[in-house]
C-alpha atoms as a PDB file:
ATOM      1  CA  MET A   1     149.514 216.573 -13.055  1.00  0.00           C
ATOM      2  CA  LYS A   2     146.197 216.484 -11.222  1.00  0.00           C
ATOM      3  CA  GLN A   3     146.136 219.044  -8.432  1.00  0.00           C
ATOM      4  CA  ARG A   4     145.472 217.871  -4.923  1.00  0.00           C
ATOM      5  CA  ARG A   5     143.161 220.167  -2.978  1.00  0.00           C
ATOM      6  CA  ILE A   6     144.581 221.053   0.454  1.00  0.00           C
ATOM      7  CA  VAL A   7     142.210 222.831   2.850  1.00  0.00           C
ATOM      8  CA  PHE A   8     143.502 224.525   5.998  1.00  0.00           C
ATOM      9  CA  VAL A   9     141.110 225.142   8.888  1.00  0.00           C
ATOM     10  CA  VAL A  10     141.756 228.107  11.201  1.00  0.00           C
ATOM     11  CA  PHE A  11     139.779 229.869  13.922  1.00  0.00           C
ATOM     12  CA  GLU A  12     140.090 232.815  16.300  1.00  0.00           C
ATOM     13  CA  GLY A  13     143.223 232.310  18.401  1.00  0.00           C
ATOM     14  CA  PHE A  14     144.932 229.773  16.118  1.00  0.00           C
ATOM     15  CA  GLN A  15     148.721 229.385  16.202  1.00  0.00           C
ATOM     16  CA  PRO A  16     149.978 231.207  13.075  1.00  0.00           C
ATOM     17  CA  LEU A  17     152.914 228.873  12.401  1.00  0.00           C
ATOM     18  CA  ASP A  18     150.525 225.908  12.439  1.00  0.00           C
ATOM     19  CA  LEU A  19     149.081 227.457   9.282  1.00  0.00           C
ATOM     20  CA  PHE A  20     152.009 229.271   7.679  1.00  0.00           C
ATOM     21  CA  GLY A  21     154.571 226.460   8.049  1.00  0.00           C
ATOM     22  CA  PRO A  22     152.608 223.661   6.348  1.00  0.00           C
ATOM     23  CA  TYR A  23     151.013 226.111   3.890  1.00  0.00           C
ATOM     24  CA  GLU A  24     154.438 227.241   2.665  1.00  0.00           C
ATOM     25  CA  VAL A  25     155.623 223.645   2.315  1.00  0.00           C
ATOM     26  CA  PHE A  26     152.688 222.812   0.047  1.00  0.00           C
ATOM     27  CA  GLN A  27     153.056 226.088  -1.874  1.00  0.00           C
ATOM     28  CA  HIS A  28     156.749 225.429  -2.522  1.00  0.00           C
ATOM     29  CA  ALA A  29     155.883 221.932  -3.710  1.00  0.00           C
ATOM     30  CA  HIS A  30     153.219 223.442  -5.959  1.00  0.00           C
ATOM     31  CA  HIS A  31     155.716 225.865  -7.489  1.00  0.00           C
ATOM     32  CA  LEU A  32     157.984 222.917  -8.285  1.00  0.00           C
ATOM     33  CA  THR A  33     155.342 220.536  -9.606  1.00  0.00           C
ATOM     34  CA  GLY A  34     151.965 222.263  -9.943  1.00  0.00           C
ATOM     35  CA  GLY A  35     150.588 219.515  -7.763  1.00  0.00           C
ATOM     36  CA  TYR A  36     148.579 221.403  -5.135  1.00  0.00           C
ATOM     37  CA  SER A  37     145.748 223.883  -4.697  1.00  0.00           C
ATOM     38  CA  CYS A  38     145.620 225.422  -1.208  1.00  0.00           C
ATOM     39  CA  GLN A  39     142.562 226.976   0.444  1.00  0.00           C
ATOM     40  CA  ILE A  40     141.998 228.513   3.879  1.00  0.00           C
ATOM     41  CA  THR A  41     138.667 228.311   5.664  1.00  0.00           C
ATOM     42  CA  ALA A  42     137.360 229.508   9.029  1.00  0.00           C
ATOM     43  CA  PRO A  43     133.998 229.538  10.784  1.00  0.00           C
ATOM     44  CA  LEU A  44     133.310 232.807   8.939  1.00  0.00           C
ATOM     45  CA  PRO A  45     135.052 234.388   5.942  1.00  0.00           C
ATOM     46  CA  GLY A  46     137.237 237.429   6.461  1.00  0.00           C
ATOM     47  CA  PRO A  47     139.951 238.383   8.943  1.00  0.00           C
ATOM     48  CA  VAL A  48     140.789 235.802  11.617  1.00  0.00           C
ATOM     49  CA  SER A  49     142.926 236.869  14.577  1.00  0.00           C
ATOM     50  CA  SER A  50     145.742 234.491  15.431  1.00  0.00           C
ATOM     51  CA  GLY A  51     146.978 233.831  18.944  1.00  0.00           C
ATOM     52  CA  SER A  52     149.851 236.264  18.396  1.00  0.00           C
ATOM     53  CA  GLY A  53     147.492 238.975  17.163  1.00  0.00           C
ATOM     54  CA  VAL A  54     148.483 238.709  13.498  1.00  0.00           C
ATOM     55  CA  PRO A  55     145.274 238.636  11.427  1.00  0.00           C
ATOM     56  CA  VAL A  56     144.868 236.234   8.516  1.00  0.00           C
ATOM     57  CA  HIS A  57     142.266 236.572   5.801  1.00  0.00           C
ATOM     58  CA  ALA A  58     140.174 233.447   5.333  1.00  0.00           C
ATOM     59  CA  PRO A  59     138.632 233.616   1.851  1.00  0.00           C
ATOM     60  CA  TYR A  60     136.026 231.045   2.803  1.00  0.00           C
ATOM     61  CA  GLY A  61     133.702 230.417   5.700  1.00  0.00           C
ATOM     62  CA  VAL A  62     132.809 226.782   6.228  1.00  0.00           C
ATOM     63  CA  ALA A  63     129.280 227.494   4.958  1.00  0.00           C
ATOM     64  CA  ASP A  64     130.780 228.693   1.646  1.00  0.00           C
ATOM     65  CA  LEU A  65     133.288 225.920   1.012  1.00  0.00           C
ATOM     66  CA  ASP A  66     132.216 222.622  -0.510  1.00  0.00           C
ATOM     67  CA  PRO A  67     133.517 219.840   1.770  1.00  0.00           C
ATOM     68  CA  ALA A  68     133.481 217.359  -1.100  1.00  0.00           C
ATOM     69  CA  GLY A  69     136.608 216.730  -3.149  1.00  0.00           C
ATOM     70  CA  ILE A  70     139.160 217.636  -0.484  1.00  0.00           C
ATOM     71  CA  ASP A  71     142.383 215.652  -0.768  1.00  0.00           C
ATOM     72  CA  THR A  72     143.950 216.686   2.551  1.00  0.00           C
ATOM     73  CA  LEU A  73     142.322 218.466   5.468  1.00  0.00           C
ATOM     74  CA  VAL A  74     144.807 220.307   7.727  1.00  0.00           C
ATOM     75  CA  VAL A  75     143.479 221.585  11.057  1.00  0.00           C
ATOM     76  CA  ALA A  76     145.624 224.135  12.899  1.00  0.00           C
ATOM     77  CA  GLY A  77     145.992 224.292  16.667  1.00  0.00           C
ATOM     78  CA  GLY A  78     146.424 227.167  19.078  1.00  0.00           C
ATOM     79  CA  GLY A  79     145.065 228.705  22.235  1.00  0.00           C
ATOM     80  CA  GLY A  80     141.657 229.228  20.676  1.00  0.00           C
ATOM     81  CA  ILE A  81     141.123 225.508  20.141  1.00  0.00           C
ATOM     82  CA  ASP A  82     139.147 225.038  23.361  1.00  0.00           C
ATOM     83  CA  ARG A  83     136.496 227.435  22.114  1.00  0.00           C
ATOM     84  CA  ALA A  84     136.630 226.363  18.480  1.00  0.00           C
ATOM     85  CA  ARG A  85     135.991 222.699  19.234  1.00  0.00           C
ATOM     86  CA  HIS A  86     132.687 223.645  20.842  1.00  0.00           C
ATOM     87  CA  ASP A  87     131.500 225.470  17.709  1.00  0.00           C
ATOM     88  CA  PRO A  88     128.855 223.073  16.284  1.00  0.00           C
ATOM     89  CA  THR A  89     128.929 224.621  12.807  1.00  0.00           C
ATOM     90  CA  LEU A  90     132.696 224.220  12.546  1.00  0.00           C
ATOM     91  CA  THR A  91     132.817 220.687  13.942  1.00  0.00           C
ATOM     92  CA  ARG A  92     129.939 219.527  11.726  1.00  0.00           C
ATOM     93  CA  TRP A  93     131.732 220.819   8.626  1.00  0.00           C
ATOM     94  CA  ILE A  94     134.974 219.099   9.696  1.00  0.00           C
ATOM     95  CA  THR A  95     133.043 215.868  10.255  1.00  0.00           C
ATOM     96  CA  THR A  96     131.585 216.059   6.746  1.00  0.00           C
ATOM     97  CA  ALA A  97     134.823 217.121   5.066  1.00  0.00           C
ATOM     98  CA  GLY A  98     136.887 214.590   6.971  1.00  0.00           C
ATOM     99  CA  ALA A  99     134.571 211.724   6.093  1.00  0.00           C
ATOM    100  CA  THR A 100     135.452 211.949   2.403  1.00  0.00           C
ATOM    101  CA  ALA A 101     138.936 213.503   2.408  1.00  0.00           C
ATOM    102  CA  ARG A 102     141.760 211.198   1.410  1.00  0.00           C
ATOM    103  CA  ARG A 103     143.796 212.408   4.395  1.00  0.00           C
ATOM    104  CA  VAL A 104     142.870 214.098   7.657  1.00  0.00           C
ATOM    105  CA  THR A 105     145.654 215.886   9.525  1.00  0.00           C
ATOM    106  CA  SER A 106     146.201 218.170  12.497  1.00  0.00           C
ATOM    107  CA  VAL A 107     149.008 220.335  13.800  1.00  0.00           C
ATOM    108  CA  CYS A 108     149.552 220.566  17.558  1.00  0.00           C
ATOM    109  CA  SER A 109     146.264 220.976  19.463  1.00  0.00           C
ATOM    110  CA  GLY A 110     144.280 220.834  16.216  1.00  0.00           C
ATOM    111  CA  VAL A 111     143.842 217.170  17.150  1.00  0.00           C
ATOM    112  CA  PHE A 112     141.152 218.299  19.617  1.00  0.00           C
ATOM    113  CA  LEU A 113     139.023 219.591  16.739  1.00  0.00           C
ATOM    114  CA  LEU A 114     139.406 216.344  14.837  1.00  0.00           C
ATOM    115  CA  ALA A 115     138.454 214.428  17.977  1.00  0.00           C
ATOM    116  CA  ALA A 116     135.421 216.675  18.554  1.00  0.00           C
ATOM    117  CA  ALA A 117     134.391 215.968  14.962  1.00  0.00           C
ATOM    118  CA  GLY A 118     134.461 212.225  15.662  1.00  0.00           C
ATOM    119  CA  LEU A 119     137.231 211.441  13.194  1.00  0.00           C
ATOM    120  CA  LEU A 120     139.793 209.852  15.513  1.00  0.00           C
ATOM    121  CA  ALA A 121     138.139 207.110  17.556  1.00  0.00           C
ATOM    122  CA  GLY A 122     140.568 204.235  18.063  1.00  0.00           C
ATOM    123  CA  ARG A 123     143.388 206.058  16.282  1.00  0.00           C
ATOM    124  CA  ARG A 124     146.946 206.485  17.543  1.00  0.00           C
ATOM    125  CA  VAL A 125     147.599 210.235  17.639  1.00  0.00           C
ATOM    126  CA  THR A 126     150.059 212.802  18.912  1.00  0.00           C
ATOM    127  CA  THR A 127     149.976 216.469  19.906  1.00  0.00           C
ATOM    128  CA  HIS A 128     152.201 218.938  21.726  1.00  0.00           C
ATOM    129  CA  TRP A 129     153.535 217.323  24.900  1.00  0.00           C
ATOM    130  CA  ALA A 130     151.965 220.078  27.046  1.00  0.00           C
ATOM    131  CA  ARG A 131     148.490 218.970  25.885  1.00  0.00           C
ATOM    132  CA  GLU A 132     149.026 215.240  26.408  1.00  0.00           C
ATOM    133  CA  GLU A 133     147.309 214.904  29.790  1.00  0.00           C
ATOM    134  CA  GLN A 134     144.295 216.905  28.626  1.00  0.00           C
ATOM    135  CA  LEU A 135     143.937 214.819  25.465  1.00  0.00           C
ATOM    136  CA  VAL A 136     144.167 211.552  27.398  1.00  0.00           C
ATOM    137  CA  ARG A 137     141.678 212.750  29.998  1.00  0.00           C
ATOM    138  CA  GLU A 138     139.093 214.147  27.599  1.00  0.00           C
ATOM    139  CA  HIS A 139     139.373 211.565  24.828  1.00  0.00           C
ATOM    140  CA  PRO A 140     139.840 208.062  26.252  1.00  0.00           C
ATOM    141  CA  GLU A 141     138.792 206.669  22.874  1.00  0.00           C
ATOM    142  CA  LEU A 142     142.185 207.720  21.449  1.00  0.00           C
ATOM    143  CA  VAL A 143     145.598 206.087  21.735  1.00  0.00           C
ATOM    144  CA  VAL A 144     147.768 209.073  22.665  1.00  0.00           C
ATOM    145  CA  ASP A 145     151.540 208.993  22.122  1.00  0.00           C
ATOM    146  CA  CYS A 146     153.264 212.343  22.611  1.00  0.00           C
ATOM    147  CA  ASP A 147     156.819 211.230  22.013  1.00  0.00           C
ATOM    148  CA  PRO A 148     156.979 211.343  18.166  1.00  0.00           C
ATOM    149  CA  ILE A 149     156.846 214.674  16.348  1.00  0.00           C
ATOM    150  CA  PHE A 150     154.206 213.267  14.017  1.00  0.00           C
ATOM    151  CA  LEU A 151     152.260 210.050  13.601  1.00  0.00           C
ATOM    152  CA  ARG A 152     150.394 208.338  10.814  1.00  0.00           C
ATOM    153  CA  ASP A 153     147.526 205.965  11.528  1.00  0.00           C
ATOM    154  CA  GLY A 154     145.962 205.029   8.212  1.00  0.00           C
ATOM    155  CA  ARG A 155     144.662 208.177   6.558  1.00  0.00           C
ATOM    156  CA  VAL A 156     144.984 210.190   9.777  1.00  0.00           C
ATOM    157  CA  TRP A 157     148.191 212.145  10.376  1.00  0.00           C
ATOM    158  CA  THR A 158     148.748 214.176  13.562  1.00  0.00           C
ATOM    159  CA  SER A 159     151.750 216.218  14.684  1.00  0.00           C
ATOM    160  CA  ALA A 160     153.280 217.965  17.651  1.00  0.00           C
ATOM    161  CA  GLY A 161     153.543 221.731  17.921  1.00  0.00           C
ATOM    162  CA  VAL A 162     154.565 224.510  15.562  1.00  0.00           C
ATOM    163  CA  THR A 163     157.629 223.448  13.509  1.00  0.00           C
ATOM    164  CA  ALA A 164     156.562 219.793  13.659  1.00  0.00           C
ATOM    165  CA  GLY A 165     153.730 220.804  11.328  1.00  0.00           C
ATOM    166  CA  MET A 166     156.328 221.569   8.656  1.00  0.00           C
ATOM    167  CA  ASP A 167     157.898 218.146   9.138  1.00  0.00           C
ATOM    168  CA  LEU A 168     154.443 216.627   8.783  1.00  0.00           C
ATOM    169  CA  ALA A 169     153.767 218.604   5.599  1.00  0.00           C
ATOM    170  CA  LEU A 170     157.091 217.511   4.087  1.00  0.00           C
ATOM    171  CA  ALA A 171     156.199 213.908   4.863  1.00  0.00           C
ATOM    172  CA  LEU A 172     152.851 214.400   3.119  1.00  0.00           C
ATOM    173  CA  VAL A 173     154.611 215.883   0.085  1.00  0.00           C
ATOM    174  CA  GLU A 174     156.992 212.931   0.029  1.00  0.00           C
ATOM    175  CA  ASP A 175     154.022 210.568   0.274  1.00  0.00           C
ATOM    176  CA  ASP A 176     152.427 212.301  -2.723  1.00  0.00           C
ATOM    177  CA  LEU A 177     155.316 213.282  -4.954  1.00  0.00           C
ATOM    178  CA  GLY A 178     158.350 211.342  -3.807  1.00  0.00           C
ATOM    179  CA  ARG A 179     161.494 211.900  -1.820  1.00  0.00           C
ATOM    180  CA  GLU A 180     163.298 214.082  -4.346  1.00  0.00           C
ATOM    181  CA  VAL A 181     160.526 216.670  -4.423  1.00  0.00           C
ATOM    182  CA  ALA A 182     160.374 216.722  -0.612  1.00  0.00           C
ATOM    183  CA  HIS A 183     164.149 217.229  -0.443  1.00  0.00           C
ATOM    184  CA  ALA A 184     163.950 220.013  -3.007  1.00  0.00           C
ATOM    185  CA  VAL A 185     161.268 221.755  -0.934  1.00  0.00           C
ATOM    186  CA  ALA A 186     163.407 221.445   2.199  1.00  0.00           C
ATOM    187  CA  GLN A 187     166.362 222.939   0.357  1.00  0.00           C
ATOM    188  CA  GLU A 188     164.341 225.800  -1.074  1.00  0.00           C
ATOM    189  CA  MET A 189     162.915 226.657   2.352  1.00  0.00           C
ATOM    190  CA  VAL A 190     166.388 226.396   3.949  1.00  0.00           C
ATOM    191  CA  MET A 191     165.091 223.944   6.512  1.00  0.00           C
ATOM    192  CA  PHE A 192     168.164 222.725   8.375  1.00  0.00           C
ATOM    193  CA  LEU A 193     166.818 219.240   9.023  1.00  0.00           C
ATOM    194  CA  ARG A 194     163.941 217.195   7.718  1.00  0.00           C
ATOM    195  CA  ARG A 195     162.977 215.016  10.641  1.00  0.00           C
ATOM    196  CA  PRO A 196     161.286 211.611  10.494  1.00  0.00           C
ATOM    197  CA  GLY A 197     158.097 211.201  12.470  1.00  0.00           C
ATOM    198  CA  SER A 198     159.803 208.878  14.924  1.00  0.00           C
ATOM    199  CA  GLN A 199     162.048 211.724  16.078  1.00  0.00           C
ATOM    200  CA  SER A 200     161.225 212.422  19.710  1.00  0.00           C
ATOM    201  CA  GLN A 201     159.705 215.747  20.788  1.00  0.00           C
ATOM    202  CA  PHE A 202     162.194 215.651  23.648  1.00  0.00           C
ATOM    203  CA  SER A 203     165.912 216.368  23.461  1.00  0.00           C
ATOM    204  CA  VAL A 204     168.215 215.666  26.414  1.00  0.00           C
ATOM    205  CA  ALA A 205     167.473 219.120  27.794  1.00  0.00           C
ATOM    206  CA  LEU A 206     163.773 218.269  27.920  1.00  0.00           C
ATOM    207  CA  TRP A 207     163.474 214.567  28.621  1.00  0.00           C
ATOM    208  CA  SER A 208     165.171 214.726  32.002  1.00  0.00           C
ATOM    209  CA  ALA A 209     165.005 216.951  35.049  1.00  0.00           C
ATOM    210  CA  GLN A 210     167.985 219.130  35.959  1.00  0.00           C
ATOM    211  CA  PRO A 211     170.311 218.035  38.783  1.00  0.00           C
ATOM    212  CA  ALA A 212     169.557 219.666  42.104  1.00  0.00           C
ATOM    213  CA  SER A 213     172.885 219.118  43.866  1.00  0.00           C
ATOM    214  CA  ASP A 214     176.543 219.743  43.072  1.00  0.00           C
ATOM    215  CA  PRO A 215     177.609 216.064  43.122  1.00  0.00           C
ATOM    216  CA  ILE A 216     174.981 215.017  40.586  1.00  0.00           C
ATOM    217  CA  ARG A 217     175.633 218.153  38.555  1.00  0.00           C
ATOM    218  CA  ALA A 218     179.313 217.151  38.384  1.00  0.00           C
ATOM    219  CA  ALA A 219     178.381 213.695  37.093  1.00  0.00           C
ATOM    220  CA  VAL A 220     176.013 215.140  34.483  1.00  0.00           C
ATOM    221  CA  THR A 221     178.645 217.649  33.342  1.00  0.00           C
ATOM    222  CA  ALA A 222     181.159 214.837  32.877  1.00  0.00           C
ATOM    223  CA  ILE A 223     178.690 212.904  30.704  1.00  0.00           C
ATOM    224  CA  HIS A 224     177.926 215.882  28.463  1.00  0.00           C
ATOM    225  CA  SER A 225     181.563 216.974  28.232  1.00  0.00           C
ATOM    226  CA  ASP A 226     182.597 213.668  26.685  1.00  0.00           C
ATOM    227  CA  PRO A 227     179.703 211.319  25.883  1.00  0.00           C
ATOM    228  CA  GLY A 228     182.060 208.651  24.559  1.00  0.00           C
ATOM    229  CA  ALA A 229     184.175 208.387  27.688  1.00  0.00           C
ATOM    230  CA  ARG A 230     183.798 205.686  30.323  1.00  0.00           C
ATOM    231  CA  HIS A 231     180.673 206.505  32.298  1.00  0.00           C
ATOM    232  CA  GLY A 232     180.042 203.391  34.329  1.00  0.00           C
ATOM    233  CA  ILE A 233     178.630 203.789  37.809  1.00  0.00           C
ATOM    234  CA  ASN A 234     182.106 203.708  39.381  1.00  0.00           C
ATOM    235  CA  ASP A 235     183.416 206.362  36.974  1.00  0.00           C
ATOM    236  CA  LEU A 236     180.493 208.691  37.654  1.00  0.00           C
ATOM    237  CA  ALA A 237     180.816 208.102  41.394  1.00  0.00           C
ATOM    238  CA  LEU A 238     184.378 209.411  41.219  1.00  0.00           C
ATOM    239  CA  HIS A 239     183.207 212.589  39.462  1.00  0.00           C
ATOM    240  CA  ALA A 240     180.475 213.082  42.059  1.00  0.00           C
ATOM    241  CA  GLY A 241     182.599 212.222  45.075  1.00  0.00           C
ATOM    242  CA  LEU A 242     179.999 209.677  46.204  1.00  0.00           C
ATOM    243  CA  SER A 243     179.911 205.941  46.634  1.00  0.00           C
ATOM    244  CA  PRO A 244     178.486 204.080  43.601  1.00  0.00           C
ATOM    245  CA  ARG A 245     175.396 203.019  45.557  1.00  0.00           C
ATOM    246  CA  HIS A 246     174.802 206.560  46.862  1.00  0.00           C
ATOM    247  CA  LEU A 247     175.264 208.028  43.374  1.00  0.00           C
ATOM    248  CA  GLN A 248     172.799 205.554  41.867  1.00  0.00           C
ATOM    249  CA  ARG A 249     170.173 206.471  44.428  1.00  0.00           C
ATOM    250  CA  ARG A 250     170.645 210.257  44.302  1.00  0.00           C
ATOM    251  CA  PHE A 251     171.007 210.443  40.512  1.00  0.00           C
ATOM    252  CA  THR A 252     167.763 208.543  39.999  1.00  0.00           C
ATOM    253  CA  ALA A 253     165.961 210.634  42.631  1.00  0.00           C
ATOM    254  CA  GLU A 254     167.089 213.973  41.166  1.00  0.00           C
ATOM    255  CA  LEU A 255     166.797 213.246  37.438  1.00  0.00           C
ATOM    256  CA  GLY A 256     164.056 210.630  37.418  1.00  0.00           C
ATOM    257  CA  ILE A 257     166.079 208.038  35.484  1.00  0.00           C
ATOM    258  CA  PRO A 258     169.082 205.834  36.355  1.00  0.00           C
ATOM    259  CA  PRO A 259     172.594 206.940  35.355  1.00  0.00           C
ATOM    260  CA  ALA A 260     172.943 204.265  32.642  1.00  0.00           C
ATOM    261  CA  THR A 261     169.713 205.373  30.971  1.00  0.00           C
ATOM    262  CA  TYR A 262     170.834 209.017  31.066  1.00  0.00           C
ATOM    263  CA  VAL A 263     174.230 208.158  29.592  1.00  0.00           C
ATOM    264  CA  GLU A 264     172.643 206.262  26.706  1.00  0.00           C
ATOM    265  CA  GLY A 265     170.288 209.172  26.015  1.00  0.00           C
ATOM    266  CA  VAL A 266     173.168 211.656  25.848  1.00  0.00           C
ATOM    267  CA  ARG A 267     175.155 209.342  23.602  1.00  0.00           C
ATOM    268  CA  ILE A 268     172.219 208.929  21.234  1.00  0.00           C
ATOM    269  CA  GLU A 269     171.769 212.710  21.017  1.00  0.00           C
ATOM    270  CA  ALA A 270     175.483 213.137  20.279  1.00  0.00           C
ATOM    271  CA  ALA A 271     175.400 210.419  17.623  1.00  0.00           C
ATOM    272  CA  LYS A 272     172.324 212.004  16.027  1.00  0.00           C
ATOM    273  CA  ARG A 273     174.119 215.338  15.702  1.00  0.00           C
ATOM    274  CA  ALA A 274     177.198 213.660  14.243  1.00  0.00           C
ATOM    275  CA  LEU A 275     175.135 211.706  11.717  1.00  0.00           C
ATOM    276  CA  ALA A 276     173.364 214.863  10.594  1.00  0.00           C
ATOM    277  CA  GLU A 277     176.303 217.246  10.570  1.00  0.00           C
ATOM    278  CA  SER A 278     179.432 215.235   9.766  1.00  0.00           C
ATOM    279  CA  ALA A 279     180.702 212.870   7.102  1.00  0.00           C
ATOM    280  CA  HIS A 280     182.245 210.416   9.567  1.00  0.00           C
ATOM    281  CA  SER A 281     181.385 206.766   9.048  1.00  0.00           C
ATOM    282  CA  ILE A 282     178.766 205.144  11.245  1.00  0.00           C
ATOM    283  CA  GLU A 283     181.472 202.886  12.687  1.00  0.00           C
ATOM    284  CA  THR A 284     183.562 205.929  13.643  1.00  0.00           C
ATOM    285  CA  ILE A 285     180.591 207.675  15.235  1.00  0.00           C
ATOM    286  CA  ALA A 286     179.720 204.526  17.177  1.00  0.00           C
ATOM    287  CA  ARG A 287     183.239 204.330  18.630  1.00  0.00           C
ATOM    288  CA  ARG A 288     183.514 208.058  19.308  1.00  0.00           C
ATOM    289  CA  TYR A 289     180.285 208.262  21.287  1.00  0.00           C
ATOM    290  CA  GLY A 290     180.606 205.188  23.431  1.00  0.00           C
ATOM    291  CA  PHE A 291     178.658 202.542  21.497  1.00  0.00           C
ATOM    292  CA  GLY A 292     181.725 200.554  20.504  1.00  0.00           C
ATOM    293  CA  THR A 293     180.408 199.096  17.260  1.00  0.00           C
ATOM    294  CA  ALA A 294     178.055 200.119  14.478  1.00  0.00           C
ATOM    295  CA  GLU A 295     175.803 197.194  15.360  1.00  0.00           C
ATOM    296  CA  THR A 296     175.408 198.415  18.952  1.00  0.00           C
ATOM    297  CA  LEU A 297     174.589 201.895  17.647  1.00  0.00           C
ATOM    298  CA  ARG A 298     172.073 200.425  15.211  1.00  0.00           C
ATOM    299  CA  ARG A 299     170.318 198.527  17.992  1.00  0.00           C
ATOM    300  CA  ALA A 300     170.171 201.635  20.196  1.00  0.00           C
ATOM    301  CA  PHE A 301     168.670 203.681  17.350  1.00  0.00           C
ATOM    302  CA  HIS A 302     166.046 201.058  16.599  1.00  0.00           C
ATOM    303  CA  ARG A 303     165.180 200.800  20.290  1.00  0.00           C
ATOM    304  CA  HIS A 304     164.813 204.541  20.844  1.00  0.00           C
ATOM    305  CA  LEU A 305     163.959 205.977  17.416  1.00  0.00           C
ATOM    306  CA  SER A 306     162.681 203.030  15.356  1.00  0.00           C
ATOM    307  CA  VAL A 307     165.045 203.992  12.534  1.00  0.00           C
ATOM    308  CA  ALA A 308     168.496 202.833  11.402  1.00  0.00           C
ATOM    309  CA  PRO A 309     171.457 205.261  11.735  1.00  0.00           C
ATOM    310  CA  SER A 310     171.902 205.260   7.948  1.00  0.00           C
ATOM    311  CA  ASP A 311     168.245 206.195   7.392  1.00  0.00           C
ATOM    312  CA  TYR A 312     168.483 208.843  10.102  1.00  0.00           C
ATOM    313  CA  ARG A 313     171.522 210.365   8.404  1.00  0.00           C
ATOM    314  CA  ASP A 314     169.788 210.405   5.041  1.00  0.00           C
ATOM    315  CA  ARG A 315     166.716 212.149   6.443  1.00  0.00           C
ATOM    316  CA  PHE A 316     168.611 214.524   8.729  1.00  0.00           C
ATOM    317  CA  ARG A 317     171.368 215.580   6.369  1.00  0.00           C
ATOM    318  CA  SER A 318     171.749 219.329   6.545  1.00  0.00           C
ATOM    319  CA  THR A 319     170.612 221.544   3.713  1.00  0.00           C
ATOM    320  CA  LYS A 320     174.155 222.855   3.389  1.00  0.00           C
ATOM    321  CA  GLU A 321     175.436 219.369   2.548  1.00  0.00           C
ATOM    322  CA  ARG A 322     172.689 218.877  -0.058  1.00  0.00           C
ATOM    323  CA  LEU A 323     173.277 222.189  -1.876  1.00  0.00           C
END
């Protein structure tokens, strides 16, 4: 098998897991298939301090590493990105390497380096949600979408923060070597779930504000306690001790979304967990978590996640079930 050359770019203040996570995915795939050759480069060869203080040895400086013949360029993110993207030597090398690489990828804020190198104009990209406003403001030439954990736009792949880089790397391995190899890597690394790129960066705990008053807190608690129960506006009003109209107004004001939208979000999260962690049929899960039928669940998944429940289950199945 012809080896694919994977080059990781780091810099002072990079996020260590942005390097180590994807690097280990490719190394495990290499041990299984012999399909990869991994290299690490930095502005200068030698020790490179990460954002957590852990030093990493970069065998190559960009002046020493031939940018030709790279299969996949992986640019790490981290707190040092704002300084690194203004390093003309580094950005010029990334521009040259990225122009001929088969794939150009970034983890977290590494997207800023790719943008500074002129490799992303007109592309749809993602990054960590905390960097979204900065990316939109500084790079209006990009189409920024910080909901998915990773995105592919042609030969450009970008991902959200830290562990999302491992999901991205597994997707790249699957793209190269097939699903079975990617699953074997996930098993070997004891990764609990292998998430599709359409998986949102935001779980229920993150995509909504927290209730500020006891009545709304009571309604939210009722929803989470039993997602499949009746949670119409009249039912929630009884839990909150408010009139339906008053509940609608206060719930939306405190959480930023209407009660029906919140209920659907909680039900989707519950169904996702059940699909990943149980052997119950999709029809059973749909009934248990308030969707009624498998078709209604399928429509909700396509609307929110752009994936069918059966495909979600296949991708999210726990390592324990696969072993």
